[in-house]
Structure formats: structure tokens, C-alpha cells
């Protein structure tokens, strides 16, 4: 599947999360909401995680991996 959204964000280092303030989104019901994602920074890699949550009858965690290109 696919999901996308755009907006501003802030990092809460104490909690270890990124707060995404959704202005536009694939899911219109997300617009105007704040989506919370855990993050881990390891060298040139940033991992964002959502979950665990119930999807399609199973508990799932979604992860997005970004790599910094130098």
C-alpha cells in the first residue's frame, strides 16, 4: 500500500518522537491531525516507526527508512 502526507513537524527528543502536523494527506481524515512517529538516528540512517497497531486483522508496525546521501 501507499500513504503520503505533507505538513510541518517537530521533534520531541525527550519522548523520542517526531510529531507530524498533517496539512494534506492521502487519507483526508488525517488532515488537521498530528501523527506521532518514533524515530531512531543511526549514522546516515533515519528510521521512522508507527505502531504497533491493528491492520487487516494483524498487529503491525510500519517503518520508513531514510538514508542520507553525501
N, C-alpha and C. Protein backbone atom coordinates (compact mmCIF):
# COMPACT_ATOMS: atom_id res chain seq x y z
N UNK A 1 0.81 -1.19 0.00
CA UNK A 1 0.00 0.00 0.00
C UNK A 1 0.85 1.24 0.00
N UNK A 2 0.17 2.34 -0.04
CA UNK A 2 0.83 3.64 -0.09
C UNK A 2 0.11 4.60 0.84
N UNK A 3 0.88 5.47 1.46
CA UNK A 3 0.33 6.54 2.27
C UNK A 3 1.26 7.72 2.15
N UNK A 4 0.72 8.90 2.03
CA UNK A 4 1.54 10.09 1.96
C UNK A 4 0.84 11.25 2.64
N UNK A 5 1.64 12.14 3.20
CA UNK A 5 1.09 13.34 3.81
C UNK A 5 2.14 14.42 3.81
N UNK A 6 1.70 15.67 3.98
CA UNK A 6 2.60 16.82 3.98
C UNK A 6 2.18 17.78 5.07
N UNK A 7 3.14 18.51 5.57
CA UNK A 7 2.88 19.50 6.60
C UNK A 7 4.16 19.79 7.36
N UNK A 8 4.02 20.43 8.50
CA UNK A 8 5.17 20.75 9.32
C UNK A 8 5.41 19.62 10.33
N UNK A 9 6.56 19.70 11.01
CA UNK A 9 6.87 18.68 12.01
C UNK A 9 7.69 19.30 13.12
N UNK A 10 7.74 18.61 14.22
CA UNK A 10 8.62 18.98 15.32
C UNK A 10 9.16 17.70 15.96
N UNK A 11 10.35 17.81 16.53
CA UNK A 11 11.00 16.67 17.16
C UNK A 11 10.92 16.84 18.68
N UNK A 12 10.42 15.82 19.36
CA UNK A 12 10.41 15.79 20.81
C UNK A 12 11.48 14.79 21.24
N UNK A 13 12.69 15.30 21.48
CA UNK A 13 13.82 14.43 21.80
C UNK A 13 13.61 13.68 23.10
N UNK A 14 12.97 14.32 24.07
CA UNK A 14 12.75 13.68 25.37
C UNK A 14 11.90 12.42 25.23
N UNK A 15 10.87 12.48 24.39
CA UNK A 15 9.99 11.32 24.16
C UNK A 15 10.49 10.42 23.05
N UNK A 16 11.44 10.90 22.22
CA UNK A 16 11.96 10.11 21.10
C UNK A 16 10.98 9.98 19.96
N UNK A 17 10.20 11.06 19.71
CA UNK A 17 9.19 11.02 18.65
C UNK A 17 9.27 12.26 17.77
N UNK A 18 8.75 12.10 16.57
CA UNK A 18 8.53 13.20 15.64
C UNK A 18 7.02 13.41 15.55
N UNK A 19 6.58 14.65 15.67
CA UNK A 19 5.16 14.99 15.56
C UNK A 19 4.94 15.63 14.20
N UNK A 20 4.18 14.96 13.35
CA UNK A 20 3.87 15.45 12.01
C UNK A 20 2.51 16.13 12.06
N UNK A 21 2.47 17.43 11.75
CA UNK A 21 1.22 18.19 11.74
C UNK A 21 0.71 18.15 10.29
N UNK A 22 -0.27 17.30 10.03
CA UNK A 22 -0.71 16.99 8.67
C UNK A 22 -1.61 18.10 8.12
N UNK A 23 -1.18 18.68 7.00
CA UNK A 23 -1.96 19.71 6.31
C UNK A 23 -2.68 19.11 5.10
N UNK A 24 -2.01 18.20 4.40
CA UNK A 24 -2.58 17.49 3.25
C UNK A 24 -2.25 16.02 3.41
N UNK A 25 -3.18 15.14 3.03
CA UNK A 25 -2.88 13.74 3.20
C UNK A 25 -3.66 12.83 2.26
N UNK A 26 -3.06 11.66 2.02
CA UNK A 26 -3.72 10.63 1.22
C UNK A 26 -5.05 10.28 1.87
N UNK A 27 -5.03 10.17 3.21
CA UNK A 27 -6.26 9.95 3.97
C UNK A 27 -6.75 11.32 4.43
N UNK A 28 -7.84 11.79 3.87
CA UNK A 28 -8.32 13.13 4.19
C UNK A 28 -8.67 13.28 5.66
N UNK A 29 -9.04 12.20 6.34
CA UNK A 29 -9.37 12.31 7.76
C UNK A 29 -8.13 12.58 8.62
N UNK A 30 -6.93 12.48 8.04
CA UNK A 30 -5.71 12.82 8.77
C UNK A 30 -5.43 14.31 8.73
N UNK A 31 -6.02 15.02 7.74
CA UNK A 31 -5.75 16.46 7.60
C UNK A 31 -6.20 17.19 8.86
N UNK A 32 -5.31 18.04 9.37
CA UNK A 32 -5.58 18.76 10.61
C UNK A 32 -5.24 17.99 11.86
N UNK A 33 -4.68 16.78 11.72
CA UNK A 33 -4.29 15.97 12.88
C UNK A 33 -2.79 16.00 13.06
N UNK A 34 -2.34 15.47 14.18
CA UNK A 34 -0.92 15.28 14.43
C UNK A 34 -0.65 13.79 14.49
N UNK A 35 0.26 13.33 13.64
CA UNK A 35 0.65 11.92 13.61
C UNK A 35 1.99 11.79 14.32
N UNK A 36 2.06 10.88 15.27
CA UNK A 36 3.26 10.68 16.07
C UNK A 36 4.03 9.47 15.55
N UNK A 37 5.33 9.66 15.35
CA UNK A 37 6.19 8.57 14.88
C UNK A 37 7.42 8.48 15.78
N UNK A 38 7.77 7.28 16.17
CA UNK A 38 9.03 7.06 16.87
C UNK A 38 10.16 7.22 15.84
N UNK A 39 11.32 7.63 16.32
CA UNK A 39 12.44 7.74 15.39
C UNK A 39 13.71 7.19 16.01
N UNK A 40 14.62 6.78 15.12
CA UNK A 40 15.95 6.33 15.53
C UNK A 40 16.93 6.85 14.49
N UNK A 41 17.97 7.51 14.94
CA UNK A 41 19.01 8.02 14.06
C UNK A 41 20.26 7.20 14.30
N UNK A 42 20.77 6.56 13.23
CA UNK A 42 21.94 5.70 13.33
C UNK A 42 22.86 6.03 12.16
N UNK A 43 23.86 6.88 12.42
CA UNK A 43 24.76 7.31 11.34
C UNK A 43 23.99 8.06 10.28
N UNK A 44 24.04 7.57 9.05
CA UNK A 44 23.34 8.21 7.92
C UNK A 44 21.92 7.69 7.73
N UNK A 45 21.42 6.91 8.68
CA UNK A 45 20.09 6.31 8.53
C UNK A 45 19.13 6.87 9.59
N UNK A 46 17.95 7.23 9.13
CA UNK A 46 16.86 7.67 10.00
C UNK A 46 15.70 6.71 9.80
N UNK A 47 15.24 6.10 10.89
CA UNK A 47 14.09 5.20 10.83
C UNK A 47 12.92 5.84 11.56
N UNK A 48 11.77 5.94 10.88
CA UNK A 48 10.53 6.39 11.48
C UNK A 48 9.62 5.18 11.63
N UNK A 49 8.97 5.03 12.78
CA UNK A 49 8.11 3.88 13.04
C UNK A 49 6.75 4.31 13.55
N UNK A 50 5.72 3.62 13.08
CA UNK A 50 4.34 3.83 13.55
C UNK A 50 3.79 2.49 14.00
N UNK A 51 3.21 2.46 15.16
CA UNK A 51 2.61 1.22 15.63
C UNK A 51 3.26 0.76 16.91
N UNK A 52 2.97 -0.43 17.37
CA UNK A 52 2.12 -1.40 16.67
C UNK A 52 0.65 -0.99 16.70
N UNK A 53 -0.05 -1.41 15.66
CA UNK A 53 -1.49 -1.14 15.55
C UNK A 53 -2.13 -2.27 14.76
N UNK A 54 -3.44 -2.40 14.92
CA UNK A 54 -4.19 -3.45 14.25
C UNK A 54 -4.49 -3.03 12.82
N UNK A 55 -3.94 -3.78 11.85
CA UNK A 55 -4.18 -3.55 10.42
C UNK A 55 -4.52 -4.89 9.78
N UNK A 56 -5.62 -4.93 9.07
CA UNK A 56 -6.03 -6.15 8.36
C UNK A 56 -6.07 -7.36 9.30
N UNK A 57 -6.50 -7.13 10.54
CA UNK A 57 -6.64 -8.22 11.48
C UNK A 57 -5.37 -8.68 12.15
N UNK A 58 -4.24 -7.98 11.92
CA UNK A 58 -2.96 -8.37 12.50
C UNK A 58 -2.31 -7.14 13.13
N UNK A 59 -1.57 -7.35 14.20
CA UNK A 59 -0.80 -6.27 14.79
C UNK A 59 0.42 -6.02 13.91
N UNK A 60 0.59 -4.76 13.48
CA UNK A 60 1.69 -4.42 12.57
C UNK A 60 2.38 -3.14 13.01
N UNK A 61 3.65 -3.06 12.72
CA UNK A 61 4.43 -1.84 12.89
C UNK A 61 4.94 -1.44 11.51
N UNK A 62 4.71 -0.19 11.15
CA UNK A 62 5.17 0.32 9.86
C UNK A 62 6.47 1.08 10.08
N UNK A 63 7.46 0.81 9.23
CA UNK A 63 8.75 1.50 9.34
C UNK A 63 9.12 2.12 8.00
N UNK A 64 9.70 3.31 8.09
CA UNK A 64 10.21 4.01 6.92
C UNK A 64 11.67 4.31 7.17
N UNK A 65 12.55 3.90 6.25
CA UNK A 65 13.98 4.08 6.39
C UNK A 65 14.49 5.10 5.39
N UNK A 66 15.11 6.16 5.90
CA UNK A 66 15.73 7.19 5.06
C UNK A 66 17.24 7.06 5.18
N UNK A 67 17.96 7.25 4.06
CA UNK A 67 19.41 7.26 4.08
C UNK A 67 19.91 8.59 3.56
N UNK A 68 20.81 9.21 4.32
CA UNK A 68 21.43 10.47 3.88
C UNK A 68 22.48 10.15 2.82
N UNK A 69 22.38 10.82 1.69
CA UNK A 69 23.35 10.65 0.60
C UNK A 69 24.33 11.82 0.67
N UNK A 70 25.59 11.51 0.70
CA UNK A 70 26.62 12.55 0.79
C UNK A 70 27.35 12.69 -0.52
